[in-house]
Amino acid sequence: MVKRMAPNRKSGPWKAIGLVSAIGFELVSFTLLGFFFGRWINEKTGGSGLWIGLGVLVGLAVGAFGVVVLVRKVLEGSDD
């Protein structure tokens, strides 16, 4: 009798798809939050759009930091 091995749940295409989706979601969500926050501050101060640009840049930076943390956490459990 041939014994089947259980599939390895720690790797494979679904893990890669999940990681790519999480990276995209993280970058987009923080960038949009930065945009809307910058637009809100811009409306309150009557600025020329500088706050929107700063909000987007801060959102991108926070999103990139989140991606680095996420990738480190995923690679920490990897044998590769």
N, C-alpha and C. Protein backbone atom coordinates (compact mmCIF):
# COMPACT_ATOMS: atom_id res chain seq x y z
N MET A 1 0.84 -1.17 0.00
CA MET A 1 0.00 0.00 0.00
C MET A 1 0.89 1.25 0.00
N VAL A 2 0.56 2.19 -0.85
CA VAL A 2 1.33 3.43 -0.98
C VAL A 2 0.69 4.48 -0.08
N LYS A 3 1.51 5.04 0.75
CA LYS A 3 1.02 6.07 1.67
C LYS A 3 1.23 7.44 1.03
N ARG A 4 0.17 8.21 0.95
CA ARG A 4 0.27 9.56 0.38
C ARG A 4 0.70 10.54 1.44
N MET A 5 1.54 11.44 1.01
CA MET A 5 1.99 12.48 1.93
C MET A 5 1.02 13.65 1.87
N ALA A 6 0.82 14.29 2.98
CA ALA A 6 -0.05 15.47 3.03
C ALA A 6 0.62 16.61 2.28
N PRO A 7 -0.16 17.41 1.58
CA PRO A 7 0.45 18.54 0.85
C PRO A 7 1.06 19.53 1.83
N ASN A 8 2.15 20.12 1.38
CA ASN A 8 2.85 21.10 2.21
C ASN A 8 2.08 22.41 2.17
N ARG A 9 1.51 22.79 3.27
CA ARG A 9 0.68 24.00 3.33
C ARG A 9 1.52 25.26 3.51
N LYS A 10 2.82 25.12 3.72
CA LYS A 10 3.65 26.29 3.96
C LYS A 10 4.22 26.90 2.69
N SER A 11 4.03 26.25 1.56
CA SER A 11 4.56 26.80 0.33
C SER A 11 3.62 26.47 -0.81
N GLY A 12 3.96 26.95 -1.96
CA GLY A 12 3.15 26.64 -3.12
C GLY A 12 2.58 27.89 -3.76
N PRO A 13 1.79 27.67 -4.80
CA PRO A 13 1.27 28.81 -5.55
C PRO A 13 0.28 29.66 -4.76
N TRP A 14 -0.48 29.06 -3.86
CA TRP A 14 -1.46 29.84 -3.11
C TRP A 14 -0.78 30.79 -2.14
N LYS A 15 0.33 30.36 -1.59
CA LYS A 15 1.08 31.26 -0.70
C LYS A 15 1.63 32.44 -1.49
N ALA A 16 2.13 32.18 -2.68
CA ALA A 16 2.67 33.25 -3.52
C ALA A 16 1.57 34.21 -3.95
N ILE A 17 0.41 33.66 -4.32
CA ILE A 17 -0.72 34.51 -4.72
C ILE A 17 -1.17 35.37 -3.54
N GLY A 18 -1.23 34.77 -2.36
CA GLY A 18 -1.62 35.53 -1.17
C GLY A 18 -0.64 36.63 -0.85
N LEU A 19 0.64 36.35 -0.98
CA LEU A 19 1.66 37.35 -0.69
C LEU A 19 1.59 38.52 -1.67
N VAL A 20 1.45 38.22 -2.95
CA VAL A 20 1.37 39.28 -3.96
C VAL A 20 0.11 40.12 -3.74
N SER A 21 -0.99 39.47 -3.41
CA SER A 21 -2.23 40.20 -3.15
C SER A 21 -2.10 41.09 -1.93
N ALA A 22 -1.49 40.57 -0.88
CA ALA A 22 -1.31 41.36 0.35
C ALA A 22 -0.40 42.56 0.11
N ILE A 23 0.64 42.37 -0.68
CA ILE A 23 1.56 43.48 -0.98
C ILE A 23 0.81 44.57 -1.75
N GLY A 24 0.06 44.17 -2.77
CA GLY A 24 -0.70 45.15 -3.54
C GLY A 24 -1.73 45.88 -2.71
N PHE A 25 -2.46 45.13 -1.89
CA PHE A 25 -3.48 45.74 -1.04
C PHE A 25 -2.85 46.72 -0.05
N GLU A 26 -1.73 46.33 0.53
CA GLU A 26 -1.07 47.19 1.51
C GLU A 26 -0.60 48.50 0.88
N LEU A 27 0.04 48.42 -0.27
CA LEU A 27 0.52 49.63 -0.93
C LEU A 27 -0.63 50.54 -1.35
N VAL A 28 -1.66 49.96 -1.96
CA VAL A 28 -2.79 50.77 -2.44
C VAL A 28 -3.55 51.39 -1.29
N SER A 29 -3.82 50.62 -0.25
CA SER A 29 -4.63 51.15 0.85
C SER A 29 -3.92 52.28 1.58
N PHE A 30 -2.64 52.13 1.88
CA PHE A 30 -1.94 53.20 2.58
C PHE A 30 -1.73 54.43 1.70
N THR A 31 -1.52 54.23 0.42
CA THR A 31 -1.39 55.36 -0.49
C THR A 31 -2.70 56.14 -0.58
N LEU A 32 -3.81 55.42 -0.69
CA LEU A 32 -5.11 56.09 -0.73
C LEU A 32 -5.43 56.80 0.58
N LEU A 33 -5.11 56.16 1.70
CA LEU A 33 -5.31 56.83 2.99
C LEU A 33 -4.49 58.11 3.08
N GLY A 34 -3.25 58.06 2.62
CA GLY A 34 -2.42 59.26 2.60
C GLY A 34 -2.98 60.34 1.70
N PHE A 35 -3.51 59.95 0.55
CA PHE A 35 -4.12 60.91 -0.37
C PHE A 35 -5.33 61.59 0.27
N PHE A 36 -6.23 60.79 0.82
CA PHE A 36 -7.44 61.37 1.41
C PHE A 36 -7.14 62.22 2.64
N PHE A 37 -6.18 61.79 3.44
CA PHE A 37 -5.78 62.58 4.60
C PHE A 37 -5.13 63.89 4.15
N GLY A 38 -4.28 63.83 3.14
CA GLY A 38 -3.65 65.04 2.61
C GLY A 38 -4.66 65.98 1.99
N ARG A 39 -5.65 65.42 1.29
CA ARG A 39 -6.70 66.25 0.71
C ARG A 39 -7.53 66.93 1.79
N TRP A 40 -7.81 66.20 2.87
CA TRP A 40 -8.58 66.76 3.98
C TRP A 40 -7.81 67.92 4.63
N ILE A 41 -6.52 67.72 4.88
CA ILE A 41 -5.70 68.80 5.46
C ILE A 41 -5.62 69.97 4.49
N ASN A 42 -5.50 69.68 3.20
CA ASN A 42 -5.43 70.73 2.19
C ASN A 42 -6.70 71.58 2.17
N GLU A 43 -7.85 70.94 2.32
CA GLU A 43 -9.11 71.69 2.37
C GLU A 43 -9.22 72.54 3.62
N LYS A 44 -8.71 72.04 4.73
CA LYS A 44 -8.78 72.78 6.00
C LYS A 44 -7.83 73.98 6.01
N THR A 45 -6.68 73.83 5.37
CA THR A 45 -5.70 74.91 5.39
C THR A 45 -5.75 75.80 4.15
N GLY A 46 -6.49 75.39 3.15
CA GLY A 46 -6.56 76.17 1.91
C GLY A 46 -5.24 76.19 1.17
N GLY A 47 -4.52 75.09 1.20
CA GLY A 47 -3.21 75.01 0.57
C GLY A 47 -3.29 74.84 -0.94
N SER A 48 -2.14 74.70 -1.53
CA SER A 48 -2.05 74.61 -2.99
C SER A 48 -1.89 73.17 -3.48
N GLY A 49 -2.11 72.20 -2.65
CA GLY A 49 -1.95 70.81 -3.04
C GLY A 49 -0.72 70.16 -2.47
N LEU A 50 0.07 70.92 -1.74
CA LEU A 50 1.28 70.36 -1.15
C LEU A 50 0.95 69.24 -0.17
N TRP A 51 -0.10 69.41 0.59
CA TRP A 51 -0.48 68.40 1.58
C TRP A 51 -0.90 67.09 0.92
N ILE A 52 -1.51 67.19 -0.24
CA ILE A 52 -1.91 65.97 -0.95
C ILE A 52 -0.66 65.19 -1.36
N GLY A 53 0.30 65.87 -1.91
CA GLY A 53 1.55 65.22 -2.29
C GLY A 53 2.28 64.62 -1.10
N LEU A 54 2.34 65.37 -0.01
CA LEU A 54 2.99 64.84 1.19
C LEU A 54 2.23 63.64 1.74
N GLY A 55 0.91 63.70 1.70
CA GLY A 55 0.11 62.58 2.17
C GLY A 55 0.34 61.32 1.36
N VAL A 56 0.42 61.49 0.04
CA VAL A 56 0.68 60.33 -0.82
C VAL A 56 2.08 59.76 -0.55
N LEU A 57 3.06 60.62 -0.40
CA LEU A 57 4.42 60.15 -0.12
C LEU A 57 4.52 59.44 1.23
N VAL A 58 3.86 59.99 2.24
CA VAL A 58 3.86 59.34 3.55
C VAL A 58 3.12 58.01 3.47
N GLY A 59 2.00 57.98 2.74
CA GLY A 59 1.27 56.73 2.56
C GLY A 59 2.10 55.67 1.85
N LEU A 60 2.85 56.07 0.83
CA LEU A 60 3.73 55.13 0.14
C LEU A 60 4.83 54.62 1.07
N ALA A 61 5.40 55.51 1.88
CA ALA A 61 6.46 55.09 2.80
C ALA A 61 5.93 54.11 3.84
N VAL A 62 4.77 54.41 4.39
CA VAL A 62 4.18 53.50 5.39
C VAL A 62 3.83 52.17 4.73
N GLY A 63 3.27 52.21 3.52
CA GLY A 63 2.96 50.98 2.80
C GLY A 63 4.20 50.16 2.49
N ALA A 64 5.27 50.81 2.09
CA ALA A 64 6.52 50.10 1.80
C ALA A 64 7.09 49.46 3.06
N PHE A 65 7.00 50.17 4.18
CA PHE A 65 7.47 49.60 5.45
C PHE A 65 6.63 48.38 5.81
N GLY A 66 5.32 48.48 5.60
CA GLY A 66 4.44 47.34 5.87
C GLY A 66 4.76 46.15 4.99
N VAL A 67 5.11 46.41 3.73
CA VAL A 67 5.47 45.33 2.82
C VAL A 67 6.76 44.66 3.29
N VAL A 68 7.73 45.43 3.71
CA VAL A 68 8.99 44.86 4.20
C VAL A 68 8.72 43.97 5.41
N VAL A 69 7.89 44.44 6.33
CA VAL A 69 7.56 43.64 7.52
C VAL A 69 6.84 42.36 7.11
N LEU A 70 5.91 42.47 6.17
CA LEU A 70 5.15 41.31 5.70
C LEU A 70 6.06 40.29 5.04
N VAL A 71 6.93 40.73 4.16
CA VAL A 71 7.83 39.80 3.46
C VAL A 71 8.79 39.15 4.43
N ARG A 72 9.31 39.90 5.38
CA ARG A 72 10.20 39.30 6.39
C ARG A 72 9.48 38.23 7.19
N LYS A 73 8.24 38.50 7.55
CA LYS A 73 7.47 37.52 8.32
C LYS A 73 7.22 36.26 7.50
N VAL A 74 6.94 36.41 6.21
CA VAL A 74 6.70 35.25 5.35
C VAL A 74 7.98 34.46 5.15
N LEU A 75 9.08 35.15 4.90
CA LEU A 75 10.35 34.47 4.66
C LEU A 75 10.95 33.86 5.92
N GLU A 76 10.53 34.36 7.07
CA GLU A 76 11.03 33.82 8.34
C GLU A 76 10.63 32.36 8.51
N GLY A 77 9.44 32.01 8.07
CA GLY A 77 8.97 30.63 8.19
C GLY A 77 9.36 29.76 7.03
N SER A 78 10.11 30.29 6.08
CA SER A 78 10.49 29.55 4.89
C SER A 78 11.82 28.84 5.09
N ASP A 79 11.96 27.70 4.45
CA ASP A 79 13.23 26.95 4.51
C ASP A 79 14.17 27.37 3.41
N ASP A 80 13.69 28.11 2.43
CA ASP A 80 14.48 28.46 1.25
C ASP A 80 15.54 29.46 1.55
